[in-house]
Amino acid sequence: MFNREVGYCQGMANVVALMLMYLHEEEDAFWALTSLLRGDRYQMNDFFTPRLPKLFRCLDHHMVLRKKFIPAVHKHFNKMQYEPTLYATKWFLQCYLDKLPFSLTLRVWDIFLFEGEEIETAMALAILRTFKKQLVKSNDEQLNEFMSRLAEHQLDEEKIIDNLSETLMELRRARLSHLPKPAVIEEIKPSES
């Protein structure tokens, strides 16, 4: 096994399928996946290690961004007890594969491959900004229905990509485009008595 830290994780299947669609050769797809997992630009490895540490960093960072940049959506989601784990988990784990119309997903992946990991949280914010008016008027059932079926809607891809570009620039100006570094938990040593 090449990457013992990750091994095989079911969440990787769609990412590998995308690589195989474009690279055709299994070995090329393998090395592309390796670059996604271990490369500094993408750092997807910790999405698939035990306890999913990067996923939880993304979800926490998303909450910070949601509160700061779209407070009305944040307030409404809190009122509805609509946590990011309910809608954004697969967004982050698979970089929007299966969660957006395929043509839009491919555009997001092009940007992700060029720009790197900061696209993931910027895209989450851009999606919520794009549908802000609709989201703040939705009850919990409507929220679940809309967010779980986003890939089935006719979306204005240009508007979403424009929102992504604007959001990314705004996050960079605020120095919030990158995930915070993982917290280091020091081992507590028993005191000598």
N, C-alpha and C. Protein backbone atom coordinates (compact mmCIF):
# COMPACT_ATOMS: atom_id res chain seq x y z
N MET A 1 0.85 -1.17 0.00
CA MET A 1 0.00 0.00 0.00
C MET A 1 0.89 1.24 0.00
N PHE A 2 0.63 2.16 -0.88
CA PHE A 2 1.47 3.33 -1.06
C PHE A 2 1.32 4.34 0.08
N ASN A 3 0.10 4.64 0.47
CA ASN A 3 -0.17 5.65 1.49
C ASN A 3 -0.88 4.98 2.66
N ARG A 4 -0.12 4.47 3.59
CA ARG A 4 -0.69 3.72 4.73
C ARG A 4 -1.53 4.62 5.64
N GLU A 5 -1.23 5.88 5.65
CA GLU A 5 -1.97 6.81 6.50
C GLU A 5 -3.44 6.89 6.07
N VAL A 6 -3.67 6.80 4.77
CA VAL A 6 -5.02 6.91 4.23
C VAL A 6 -5.57 5.56 3.84
N GLY A 7 -4.78 4.75 3.15
CA GLY A 7 -5.30 3.48 2.64
C GLY A 7 -6.34 3.76 1.56
N TYR A 8 -7.43 3.01 1.60
CA TYR A 8 -8.52 3.26 0.66
C TYR A 8 -9.68 3.81 1.45
N CYS A 9 -10.28 4.85 0.96
CA CYS A 9 -11.43 5.46 1.60
C CYS A 9 -12.51 5.63 0.53
N GLN A 10 -13.72 5.26 0.86
CA GLN A 10 -14.82 5.30 -0.10
C GLN A 10 -14.99 6.69 -0.73
N GLY A 11 -14.74 7.73 0.05
CA GLY A 11 -14.89 9.10 -0.45
C GLY A 11 -13.98 9.44 -1.61
N MET A 12 -12.92 8.67 -1.80
CA MET A 12 -11.98 8.93 -2.89
C MET A 12 -12.50 8.44 -4.25
N ALA A 13 -13.48 7.58 -4.25
CA ALA A 13 -13.91 6.92 -5.49
C ALA A 13 -14.28 7.93 -6.57
N ASN A 14 -15.05 8.95 -6.23
CA ASN A 14 -15.46 9.93 -7.24
C ASN A 14 -14.28 10.76 -7.74
N VAL A 15 -13.35 11.06 -6.85
CA VAL A 15 -12.16 11.81 -7.25
C VAL A 15 -11.34 10.98 -8.24
N VAL A 16 -11.16 9.70 -7.91
CA VAL A 16 -10.42 8.80 -8.80
C VAL A 16 -11.14 8.65 -10.14
N ALA A 17 -12.45 8.55 -10.10
CA ALA A 17 -13.23 8.43 -11.35
C ALA A 17 -13.00 9.65 -12.24
N LEU A 18 -12.98 10.84 -11.64
CA LEU A 18 -12.72 12.05 -12.42
C LEU A 18 -11.33 12.01 -13.04
N MET A 19 -10.35 11.57 -12.26
CA MET A 19 -8.98 11.47 -12.78
C MET A 19 -8.93 10.49 -13.95
N LEU A 20 -9.61 9.35 -13.81
CA LEU A 20 -9.60 8.34 -14.88
C LEU A 20 -10.31 8.83 -16.14
N MET A 21 -11.33 9.67 -15.97
CA MET A 21 -12.04 10.21 -17.15
C MET A 21 -11.10 11.01 -18.05
N TYR A 22 -10.18 11.71 -17.43
CA TYR A 22 -9.33 12.61 -18.20
C TYR A 22 -7.94 12.07 -18.45
N LEU A 23 -7.47 11.20 -17.59
CA LEU A 23 -6.10 10.72 -17.73
C LEU A 23 -6.01 9.35 -18.39
N HIS A 24 -7.10 8.62 -18.38
CA HIS A 24 -7.25 7.32 -19.04
C HIS A 24 -6.37 6.20 -18.48
N GLU A 25 -5.13 6.47 -18.21
CA GLU A 25 -4.23 5.43 -17.70
C GLU A 25 -4.33 5.38 -16.17
N GLU A 26 -4.47 4.17 -15.64
CA GLU A 26 -4.60 4.01 -14.19
C GLU A 26 -3.40 4.57 -13.44
N GLU A 27 -2.21 4.34 -13.96
CA GLU A 27 -1.02 4.83 -13.28
C GLU A 27 -1.00 6.35 -13.23
N ASP A 28 -1.40 7.01 -14.32
CA ASP A 28 -1.47 8.48 -14.32
C ASP A 28 -2.49 8.98 -13.30
N ALA A 29 -3.64 8.30 -13.22
CA ALA A 29 -4.67 8.67 -12.25
C ALA A 29 -4.15 8.47 -10.82
N PHE A 30 -3.40 7.39 -10.61
CA PHE A 30 -2.82 7.13 -9.29
C PHE A 30 -1.90 8.28 -8.88
N TRP A 31 -1.00 8.69 -9.79
CA TRP A 31 -0.07 9.76 -9.44
C TRP A 31 -0.77 11.10 -9.31
N ALA A 32 -1.82 11.32 -10.07
CA ALA A 32 -2.61 12.55 -9.90
C ALA A 32 -3.27 12.56 -8.52
N LEU A 33 -3.84 11.42 -8.12
CA LEU A 33 -4.44 11.32 -6.79
C LEU A 33 -3.38 11.54 -5.72
N THR A 34 -2.21 10.98 -5.90
CA THR A 34 -1.12 11.17 -4.94
C THR A 34 -0.78 12.65 -4.81
N SER A 35 -0.75 13.37 -5.92
CA SER A 35 -0.47 14.81 -5.89
C SER A 35 -1.58 15.56 -5.14
N LEU A 36 -2.83 15.15 -5.35
CA LEU A 36 -3.94 15.79 -4.65
C LEU A 36 -3.85 15.54 -3.14
N LEU A 37 -3.49 14.32 -2.78
CA LEU A 37 -3.44 13.97 -1.37
C LEU A 37 -2.25 14.60 -0.65
N ARG A 38 -1.09 14.57 -1.28
CA ARG A 38 0.13 14.99 -0.59
C ARG A 38 0.70 16.32 -1.04
N GLY A 39 0.23 16.84 -2.15
CA GLY A 39 0.78 18.10 -2.65
C GLY A 39 0.44 19.29 -1.78
N ASP A 40 1.37 20.23 -1.65
CA ASP A 40 1.16 21.42 -0.83
C ASP A 40 -0.03 22.26 -1.30
N ARG A 41 -0.28 22.25 -2.59
CA ARG A 41 -1.34 23.09 -3.14
C ARG A 41 -2.74 22.57 -2.78
N TYR A 42 -2.89 21.27 -2.64
CA TYR A 42 -4.22 20.68 -2.45
C TYR A 42 -4.45 20.08 -1.07
N GLN A 43 -3.46 19.43 -0.52
CA GLN A 43 -3.47 18.89 0.83
C GLN A 43 -4.76 18.13 1.18
N MET A 44 -5.19 17.22 0.32
CA MET A 44 -6.42 16.47 0.57
C MET A 44 -6.22 15.27 1.49
N ASN A 45 -4.99 14.94 1.83
CA ASN A 45 -4.71 13.75 2.62
C ASN A 45 -5.56 13.68 3.90
N ASP A 46 -5.60 14.78 4.64
CA ASP A 46 -6.30 14.77 5.93
C ASP A 46 -7.82 14.77 5.82
N PHE A 47 -8.34 14.80 4.60
CA PHE A 47 -9.78 14.55 4.43
C PHE A 47 -10.07 13.06 4.64
N PHE A 48 -9.07 12.23 4.42
CA PHE A 48 -9.28 10.79 4.38
C PHE A 48 -8.56 10.02 5.48
N THR A 49 -7.88 10.72 6.37
CA THR A 49 -7.24 10.03 7.49
C THR A 49 -8.27 9.86 8.60
N PRO A 50 -7.99 8.96 9.54
CA PRO A 50 -8.95 8.75 10.64
C PRO A 50 -9.32 10.07 11.33
N ARG A 51 -10.55 10.20 11.68
CA ARG A 51 -11.15 11.37 12.34
C ARG A 51 -11.28 12.58 11.41
N LEU A 52 -10.92 12.45 10.14
CA LEU A 52 -11.16 13.48 9.12
C LEU A 52 -10.78 14.90 9.56
N PRO A 53 -9.55 15.11 10.01
CA PRO A 53 -9.20 16.42 10.59
C PRO A 53 -9.38 17.61 9.63
N LYS A 54 -9.08 17.41 8.37
CA LYS A 54 -9.21 18.55 7.45
C LYS A 54 -10.67 18.90 7.21
N LEU A 55 -11.51 17.91 7.17
CA LEU A 55 -12.95 18.18 7.00
C LEU A 55 -13.43 19.09 8.13
N PHE A 56 -13.07 18.78 9.35
CA PHE A 56 -13.55 19.58 10.48
C PHE A 56 -12.92 20.97 10.50
N ARG A 57 -11.69 21.09 10.01
CA ARG A 57 -11.10 22.43 9.86
C ARG A 57 -11.86 23.24 8.82
N CYS A 58 -12.23 22.59 7.71
CA CYS A 58 -13.01 23.27 6.67
C CYS A 58 -14.38 23.70 7.19
N LEU A 59 -15.04 22.81 7.90
CA LEU A 59 -16.37 23.12 8.44
C LEU A 59 -16.28 24.27 9.45
N ASP A 60 -15.29 24.25 10.32
CA ASP A 60 -15.12 25.33 11.30
C ASP A 60 -14.81 26.65 10.60
N HIS A 61 -13.91 26.60 9.62
CA HIS A 61 -13.55 27.82 8.89
C HIS A 61 -14.76 28.35 8.11
N HIS A 62 -15.52 27.44 7.54
CA HIS A 62 -16.75 27.84 6.83
C HIS A 62 -17.70 28.60 7.76
N MET A 63 -17.84 28.12 8.99
CA MET A 63 -18.71 28.82 9.95
C MET A 63 -18.21 30.23 10.22
N VAL A 64 -16.91 30.39 10.37
CA VAL A 64 -16.33 31.72 10.60
C VAL A 64 -16.62 32.62 9.40
N LEU A 65 -16.40 32.11 8.20
CA LEU A 65 -16.62 32.91 6.98
C LEU A 65 -18.10 33.23 6.79
N ARG A 66 -18.94 32.25 7.03
CA ARG A 66 -20.40 32.45 6.90
C ARG A 66 -20.86 33.55 7.83
N LYS A 67 -20.39 33.53 9.07
CA LYS A 67 -20.80 34.53 10.06
C LYS A 67 -20.30 35.92 9.66
N LYS A 68 -19.07 36.00 9.18
CA LYS A 68 -18.47 37.30 8.85
C LYS A 68 -19.02 37.90 7.54
N PHE A 69 -19.19 37.07 6.52
CA PHE A 69 -19.50 37.60 5.19
C PHE A 69 -20.97 37.50 4.78
N ILE A 70 -21.71 36.59 5.36
CA ILE A 70 -23.16 36.50 5.07
C ILE A 70 -23.92 36.27 6.37
N PRO A 71 -23.92 37.30 7.23
CA PRO A 71 -24.52 37.13 8.56
C PRO A 71 -26.01 36.78 8.53
N ALA A 72 -26.74 37.25 7.54
CA ALA A 72 -28.17 36.92 7.47
C ALA A 72 -28.37 35.42 7.24
N VAL A 73 -27.58 34.84 6.37
CA VAL A 73 -27.66 33.39 6.13
C VAL A 73 -27.20 32.65 7.38
N HIS A 74 -26.12 33.11 7.97
CA HIS A 74 -25.61 32.48 9.19
C HIS A 74 -26.67 32.48 10.30
N LYS A 75 -27.28 33.61 10.51
CA LYS A 75 -28.30 33.74 11.55
C LYS A 75 -29.49 32.82 11.26
N HIS A 76 -29.92 32.80 10.01
CA HIS A 76 -31.06 31.95 9.63
C HIS A 76 -30.72 30.47 9.79
N PHE A 77 -29.54 30.07 9.33
CA PHE A 77 -29.13 28.67 9.46
C PHE A 77 -29.04 28.27 10.94
N ASN A 78 -28.53 29.16 11.77
CA ASN A 78 -28.47 28.87 13.21
C ASN A 78 -29.87 28.72 13.79
N LYS A 79 -30.76 29.61 13.40
CA LYS A 79 -32.15 29.53 13.87
C LYS A 79 -32.79 28.20 13.47
N MET A 80 -32.48 27.74 12.27
CA MET A 80 -33.03 26.47 11.77
C MET A 80 -32.22 25.26 12.25
N GLN A 81 -31.14 25.52 12.99
CA GLN A 81 -30.21 24.48 13.43
C GLN A 81 -29.70 23.68 12.23
N TYR A 82 -29.38 24.42 11.19
CA TYR A 82 -28.90 23.82 9.93
C TYR A 82 -27.38 23.97 9.89
N GLU A 83 -26.71 22.95 10.40
CA GLU A 83 -25.27 22.96 10.54
C GLU A 83 -24.56 22.65 9.22
N PRO A 84 -23.33 23.14 9.04
CA PRO A 84 -22.57 22.85 7.82
C PRO A 84 -22.38 21.35 7.55
N THR A 85 -22.35 20.55 8.60
CA THR A 85 -22.20 19.10 8.38
C THR A 85 -23.36 18.55 7.55
N LEU A 86 -24.50 19.22 7.57
CA LEU A 86 -25.68 18.75 6.83
C LEU A 86 -25.58 19.04 5.34
N TYR A 87 -24.84 20.06 4.96
CA TYR A 87 -24.79 20.41 3.54
C TYR A 87 -23.39 20.47 2.94
N ALA A 88 -22.37 20.70 3.76
CA ALA A 88 -21.05 20.97 3.19
C ALA A 88 -20.05 19.83 3.31
N THR A 89 -20.39 18.77 4.01
CA THR A 89 -19.45 17.68 4.20
C THR A 89 -18.95 17.12 2.88
N LYS A 90 -19.86 16.74 2.00
CA LYS A 90 -19.43 16.18 0.71
C LYS A 90 -18.89 17.26 -0.22
N TRP A 91 -19.31 18.51 -0.03
CA TRP A 91 -18.70 19.59 -0.82
C TRP A 91 -17.20 19.54 -0.60
N PHE A 92 -16.79 19.52 0.65
CA PHE A 92 -15.37 19.59 0.96
C PHE A 92 -14.64 18.28 0.68
N LEU A 93 -15.23 17.16 1.07
CA LEU A 93 -14.56 15.87 0.89
C LEU A 93 -14.26 15.56 -0.57
N GLN A 94 -15.17 15.93 -1.46
CA GLN A 94 -15.02 15.57 -2.86
C GLN A 94 -14.88 16.78 -3.77
N CYS A 95 -14.63 17.92 -3.19
CA CYS A 95 -14.50 19.16 -3.96
C CYS A 95 -15.66 19.30 -4.96
N TYR A 96 -16.86 19.15 -4.43
CA TYR A 96 -18.13 19.41 -5.13
C TYR A 96 -18.54 18.38 -6.16
N LEU A 97 -17.82 17.28 -6.29
CA LEU A 97 -18.25 16.21 -7.20
C LEU A 97 -19.60 15.68 -6.73
N ASP A 98 -20.53 15.48 -7.62
CA ASP A 98 -21.89 15.00 -7.34
C ASP A 98 -22.78 16.01 -6.64
N LYS A 99 -22.27 17.17 -6.30
CA LYS A 99 -23.08 18.12 -5.54
C LYS A 99 -23.48 19.34 -6.35
N LEU A 100 -22.92 19.47 -7.53
CA LEU A 100 -23.25 20.55 -8.46
C LEU A 100 -23.48 19.92 -9.83
N PRO A 101 -24.16 20.62 -10.73
CA PRO A 101 -24.24 20.09 -12.09
C PRO A 101 -22.83 19.79 -12.62
N PHE A 102 -22.69 18.72 -13.38
CA PHE A 102 -21.37 18.24 -13.77
C PHE A 102 -20.55 19.29 -14.52
N SER A 103 -21.18 20.05 -15.40
CA SER A 103 -20.42 21.06 -16.14
C SER A 103 -19.85 22.12 -15.20
N LEU A 104 -20.60 22.50 -14.17
CA LEU A 104 -20.10 23.45 -13.18
C LEU A 104 -19.02 22.80 -12.32
N THR A 105 -19.20 21.55 -11.97
CA THR A 105 -18.20 20.83 -11.19
C THR A 105 -16.85 20.81 -11.90
N LEU A 106 -16.88 20.58 -13.21
CA LEU A 106 -15.63 20.56 -13.97
C LEU A 106 -14.95 21.92 -13.95
N ARG A 107 -15.73 22.98 -14.01
CA ARG A 107 -15.14 24.32 -13.94
C ARG A 107 -14.53 24.57 -12.56
N VAL A 108 -15.24 24.13 -11.52
CA VAL A 108 -14.72 24.29 -10.16
C VAL A 108 -13.42 23.50 -10.02
N TRP A 109 -13.38 22.28 -10.57
CA TRP A 109 -12.15 21.48 -10.50
C TRP A 109 -11.01 22.14 -11.28
N ASP A 110 -11.29 22.73 -12.42
CA ASP A 110 -10.24 23.46 -13.15
C ASP A 110 -9.64 24.55 -12.27
N ILE A 111 -10.51 25.29 -11.60
CA ILE A 111 -10.05 26.39 -10.73
C ILE A 111 -9.31 25.81 -9.53
N PHE A 112 -9.85 24.73 -8.95
CA PHE A 112 -9.20 24.07 -7.81
C PHE A 112 -7.80 23.60 -8.19
N LEU A 113 -7.65 22.97 -9.34
CA LEU A 113 -6.33 22.48 -9.75
C LEU A 113 -5.36 23.62 -9.99
N PHE A 114 -5.86 24.77 -10.43
CA PHE A 114 -5.00 25.92 -10.68
C PHE A 114 -4.69 26.68 -9.38
N GLU A 115 -5.72 26.95 -8.59
CA GLU A 115 -5.56 27.81 -7.41
C GLU A 115 -5.20 27.04 -6.14
N GLY A 116 -5.72 25.83 -5.99
CA GLY A 116 -5.43 25.07 -4.79
C GLY A 116 -6.59 25.03 -3.81
N GLU A 117 -6.27 24.60 -2.60
CA GLU A 117 -7.28 24.27 -1.60
C GLU A 117 -8.16 25.44 -1.16
N GLU A 118 -7.71 26.66 -1.33
CA GLU A 118 -8.51 27.80 -0.87
C GLU A 118 -9.83 27.91 -1.63
N ILE A 119 -9.93 27.24 -2.77
CA ILE A 119 -11.17 27.27 -3.56
C ILE A 119 -12.31 26.59 -2.81
N GLU A 120 -12.00 25.58 -2.03
CA GLU A 120 -13.08 24.81 -1.41
C GLU A 120 -13.94 25.65 -0.48
N THR A 121 -13.35 26.39 0.44
CA THR A 121 -14.17 27.20 1.34
C THR A 121 -14.72 28.43 0.63
N ALA A 122 -13.99 28.95 -0.34
CA ALA A 122 -14.49 30.10 -1.11
C ALA A 122 -15.73 29.70 -1.91
N MET A 123 -15.72 28.50 -2.49
CA MET A 123 -16.87 28.04 -3.27
C MET A 123 -18.08 27.83 -2.38
N ALA A 124 -17.89 27.31 -1.18
CA ALA A 124 -19.01 27.12 -0.26
C ALA A 124 -19.68 28.46 0.04
N LEU A 125 -18.86 29.46 0.29
CA LEU A 125 -19.38 30.80 0.56
C LEU A 125 -20.06 31.38 -0.68
N ALA A 126 -19.47 31.17 -1.84
CA ALA A 126 -20.04 31.68 -3.09
C ALA A 126 -21.42 31.05 -3.37
N ILE A 127 -21.56 29.77 -3.10
CA ILE A 127 -22.86 29.12 -3.31
C ILE A 127 -23.91 29.75 -2.40
N LEU A 128 -23.58 29.92 -1.13
CA LEU A 128 -24.55 30.51 -0.20
C LEU A 128 -24.86 31.95 -0.57
N ARG A 129 -23.87 32.68 -1.03
CA ARG A 129 -24.12 34.06 -1.48
C ARG A 129 -25.04 34.09 -2.70
N THR A 130 -24.81 33.18 -3.61
CA THR A 130 -25.61 33.14 -4.84
C THR A 130 -27.09 32.94 -4.53
N PHE A 131 -27.38 32.11 -3.53
CA PHE A 131 -28.77 31.77 -3.22
C PHE A 131 -29.24 32.38 -1.91
N LYS A 132 -28.59 33.44 -1.48
CA LYS A 132 -28.87 34.06 -0.19
C LYS A 132 -30.36 34.39 -0.02
N LYS A 133 -30.96 35.05 -0.99
CA LYS A 133 -32.36 35.47 -0.86
C LYS A 133 -33.29 34.28 -0.68
N GLN A 134 -33.04 33.24 -1.41
CA GLN A 134 -33.85 32.03 -1.32
C GLN A 134 -33.61 31.31 0.01
N LEU A 135 -32.37 31.24 0.43
CA LEU A 135 -32.02 30.49 1.64
C LEU A 135 -32.60 31.10 2.90
N VAL A 136 -32.58 32.43 3.01
CA VAL A 136 -33.07 33.07 4.24
C VAL A 136 -34.59 33.01 4.36
N LYS A 137 -35.28 32.67 3.29
CA LYS A 137 -36.74 32.54 3.32
C LYS A 137 -37.19 31.09 3.49
N SER A 138 -36.24 30.17 3.52
CA SER A 138 -36.57 28.74 3.54
C SER A 138 -36.73 28.21 4.96
N ASN A 139 -37.69 27.29 5.11
CA ASN A 139 -37.79 26.58 6.38
C ASN A 139 -36.81 25.40 6.33
N ASP A 140 -36.72 24.63 7.40
CA ASP A 140 -35.71 23.57 7.44
C ASP A 140 -35.94 22.50 6.37
N GLU A 141 -37.18 22.17 6.09
CA GLU A 141 -37.46 21.18 5.04
C GLU A 141 -37.05 21.70 3.66
N GLN A 142 -37.34 22.96 3.39
CA GLN A 142 -36.96 23.56 2.11
C GLN A 142 -35.44 23.67 1.98
N LEU A 143 -34.77 24.00 3.08
CA LEU A 143 -33.31 24.07 3.06
C LEU A 143 -32.72 22.71 2.70
N ASN A 144 -33.18 21.68 3.39
CA ASN A 144 -32.69 20.32 3.11
C ASN A 144 -32.94 19.93 1.67
N GLU A 145 -34.12 20.18 1.19
CA GLU A 145 -34.49 19.82 -0.18
C GLU A 145 -33.61 20.56 -1.19
N PHE A 146 -33.47 21.86 -1.02
CA PHE A 146 -32.70 22.65 -1.98
C PHE A 146 -31.23 22.26 -1.97
N MET A 147 -30.64 22.20 -0.79
CA MET A 147 -29.20 21.94 -0.70
C MET A 147 -28.85 20.51 -1.11
N SER A 148 -29.72 19.55 -0.84
CA SER A 148 -29.41 18.17 -1.21
C SER A 148 -29.60 17.92 -2.70
N ARG A 149 -30.33 18.78 -3.36
CA ARG A 149 -30.60 18.59 -4.79
C ARG A 149 -29.99 19.70 -5.65
N LEU A 150 -28.98 20.33 -5.15
CA LEU A 150 -28.33 21.42 -5.88
C LEU A 150 -27.88 20.99 -7.27
N ALA A 151 -27.39 19.77 -7.39
CA ALA A 151 -26.89 19.27 -8.68
C ALA A 151 -28.01 19.13 -9.71
N GLU A 152 -29.25 19.06 -9.26
CA GLU A 152 -30.38 18.86 -10.17
C GLU A 152 -30.99 20.17 -10.66
N HIS A 153 -30.60 21.29 -10.06
CA HIS A 153 -31.17 22.58 -10.43
C HIS A 153 -30.48 23.16 -11.67
N GLN A 154 -31.21 23.95 -12.40
CA GLN A 154 -30.62 24.72 -13.49
C GLN A 154 -29.97 25.94 -12.84
N LEU A 155 -28.66 25.95 -12.79
CA LEU A 155 -27.95 27.02 -12.13
C LEU A 155 -27.30 27.93 -13.16
N ASP A 156 -27.22 29.19 -12.83
CA ASP A 156 -26.51 30.15 -13.67
C ASP A 156 -25.02 30.01 -13.36
N GLU A 157 -24.35 29.17 -14.15
CA GLU A 157 -22.95 28.86 -13.88
C GLU A 157 -22.06 30.09 -13.91
N GLU A 158 -22.32 30.99 -14.85
CA GLU A 158 -21.49 32.20 -14.94
C GLU A 158 -21.62 33.03 -13.67
N LYS A 159 -22.83 33.15 -13.16
CA LYS A 159 -23.05 33.92 -11.94
C LYS A 159 -22.32 33.27 -10.77
N ILE A 160 -22.37 31.95 -10.67
CA ILE A 160 -21.70 31.26 -9.57
C ILE A 160 -20.18 31.39 -9.69
N ILE A 161 -19.65 31.24 -10.89
CA ILE A 161 -18.19 31.39 -11.08
C ILE A 161 -17.76 32.83 -10.81
N ASP A 162 -18.57 33.80 -11.23
CA ASP A 162 -18.27 35.20 -10.91
C ASP A 162 -18.28 35.42 -9.40
N ASN A 163 -19.29 34.85 -8.73
CA ASN A 163 -19.34 34.95 -7.27
C ASN A 163 -18.13 34.29 -6.62
N LEU A 164 -17.70 33.17 -7.17
CA LEU A 164 -16.52 32.49 -6.65
C LEU A 164 -15.29 33.40 -6.79
N SER A 165 -15.13 34.00 -7.95
CA SER A 165 -13.99 34.89 -8.18
C SER A 165 -14.01 36.08 -7.21
N GLU A 166 -15.17 36.71 -7.07
CA GLU A 166 -15.29 37.85 -6.16
C GLU A 166 -15.06 37.43 -4.71
N THR A 167 -15.62 36.28 -4.34
CA THR A 167 -15.46 35.78 -2.97
C THR A 167 -14.01 35.48 -2.68
N LEU A 168 -13.32 34.82 -3.61
CA LEU A 168 -11.92 34.49 -3.40
C LEU A 168 -11.08 35.75 -3.24
N MET A 169 -11.32 36.76 -4.06
CA MET A 169 -10.57 38.02 -3.93
C MET A 169 -10.84 38.68 -2.57
N GLU A 170 -12.11 38.66 -2.16
CA GLU A 170 -12.48 39.25 -0.87
C GLU A 170 -11.83 38.50 0.30
N LEU A 171 -11.83 37.18 0.22
CA LEU A 171 -11.19 36.38 1.28
C LEU A 171 -9.68 36.62 1.31
N ARG A 172 -9.07 36.76 0.15
CA ARG A 172 -7.63 37.03 0.11
C ARG A 172 -7.32 38.40 0.71
N ARG A 173 -8.14 39.39 0.39
CA ARG A 173 -7.93 40.73 0.97
C ARG A 173 -8.04 40.69 2.50
N ALA A 174 -8.97 39.88 2.99
CA ALA A 174 -9.18 39.76 4.44
C ALA A 174 -8.22 38.75 5.08
N ARG A 175 -7.37 38.14 4.26
CA ARG A 175 -6.42 37.11 4.71
C ARG A 175 -7.14 35.93 5.37
N LEU A 176 -8.26 35.54 4.75
CA LEU A 176 -9.05 34.42 5.26
C LEU A 176 -9.26 33.34 4.21
N SER A 177 -8.50 33.39 3.12
CA SER A 177 -8.73 32.42 2.05
C SER A 177 -8.17 31.03 2.37
N HIS A 178 -7.18 30.96 3.24
CA HIS A 178 -6.58 29.67 3.60
C HIS A 178 -7.14 29.18 4.92
N LEU A 179 -7.20 27.87 5.03
CA LEU A 179 -7.61 27.27 6.30
C LEU A 179 -6.60 27.61 7.38
N PRO A 180 -7.07 27.80 8.60
CA PRO A 180 -6.10 27.95 9.69
C PRO A 180 -5.28 26.68 9.82
N LYS A 181 -4.07 26.82 10.28
CA LYS A 181 -3.21 25.66 10.50
C LYS A 181 -3.85 24.76 11.55
N PRO A 182 -3.60 23.45 11.44
CA PRO A 182 -4.17 22.56 12.47
C PRO A 182 -3.60 22.88 13.84
N ALA A 183 -4.45 22.76 14.83
CA ALA A 183 -4.00 22.99 16.21
C ALA A 183 -3.07 21.86 16.60
N VAL A 184 -2.03 22.22 17.32
CA VAL A 184 -1.10 21.21 17.82
C VAL A 184 -1.46 20.95 19.27
N ILE A 185 -1.78 19.72 19.54
CA ILE A 185 -2.12 19.34 20.90
C ILE A 185 -0.90 18.66 21.49
N GLU A 186 -0.36 19.29 22.51
CA GLU A 186 0.82 18.72 23.14
C GLU A 186 0.42 17.58 24.05
N GLU A 187 1.26 16.60 24.07
CA GLU A 187 1.03 15.46 24.94
C GLU A 187 1.20 15.90 26.39
N ILE A 188 0.25 15.55 27.21
CA ILE A 188 0.32 15.88 28.62
C ILE A 188 1.08 14.77 29.33
N LYS A 189 2.15 15.15 29.96
CA LYS A 189 2.97 14.16 30.65
C LYS A 189 2.59 14.15 32.14
N PRO A 190 2.52 12.96 32.71
CA PRO A 190 2.18 12.92 34.13
C PRO A 190 3.27 13.60 34.95
N SER A 191 2.82 14.29 35.98
CA SER A 191 3.80 14.99 36.83
C SER A 191 4.55 13.96 37.68
N GLU A 192 5.76 14.29 37.91
CA GLU A 192 6.58 13.39 38.72
C GLU A 192 6.28 13.67 40.19
N SER A 193 6.01 12.65 40.95
CA SER A 193 5.75 12.87 42.37
C SER A 193 6.76 12.18 43.22
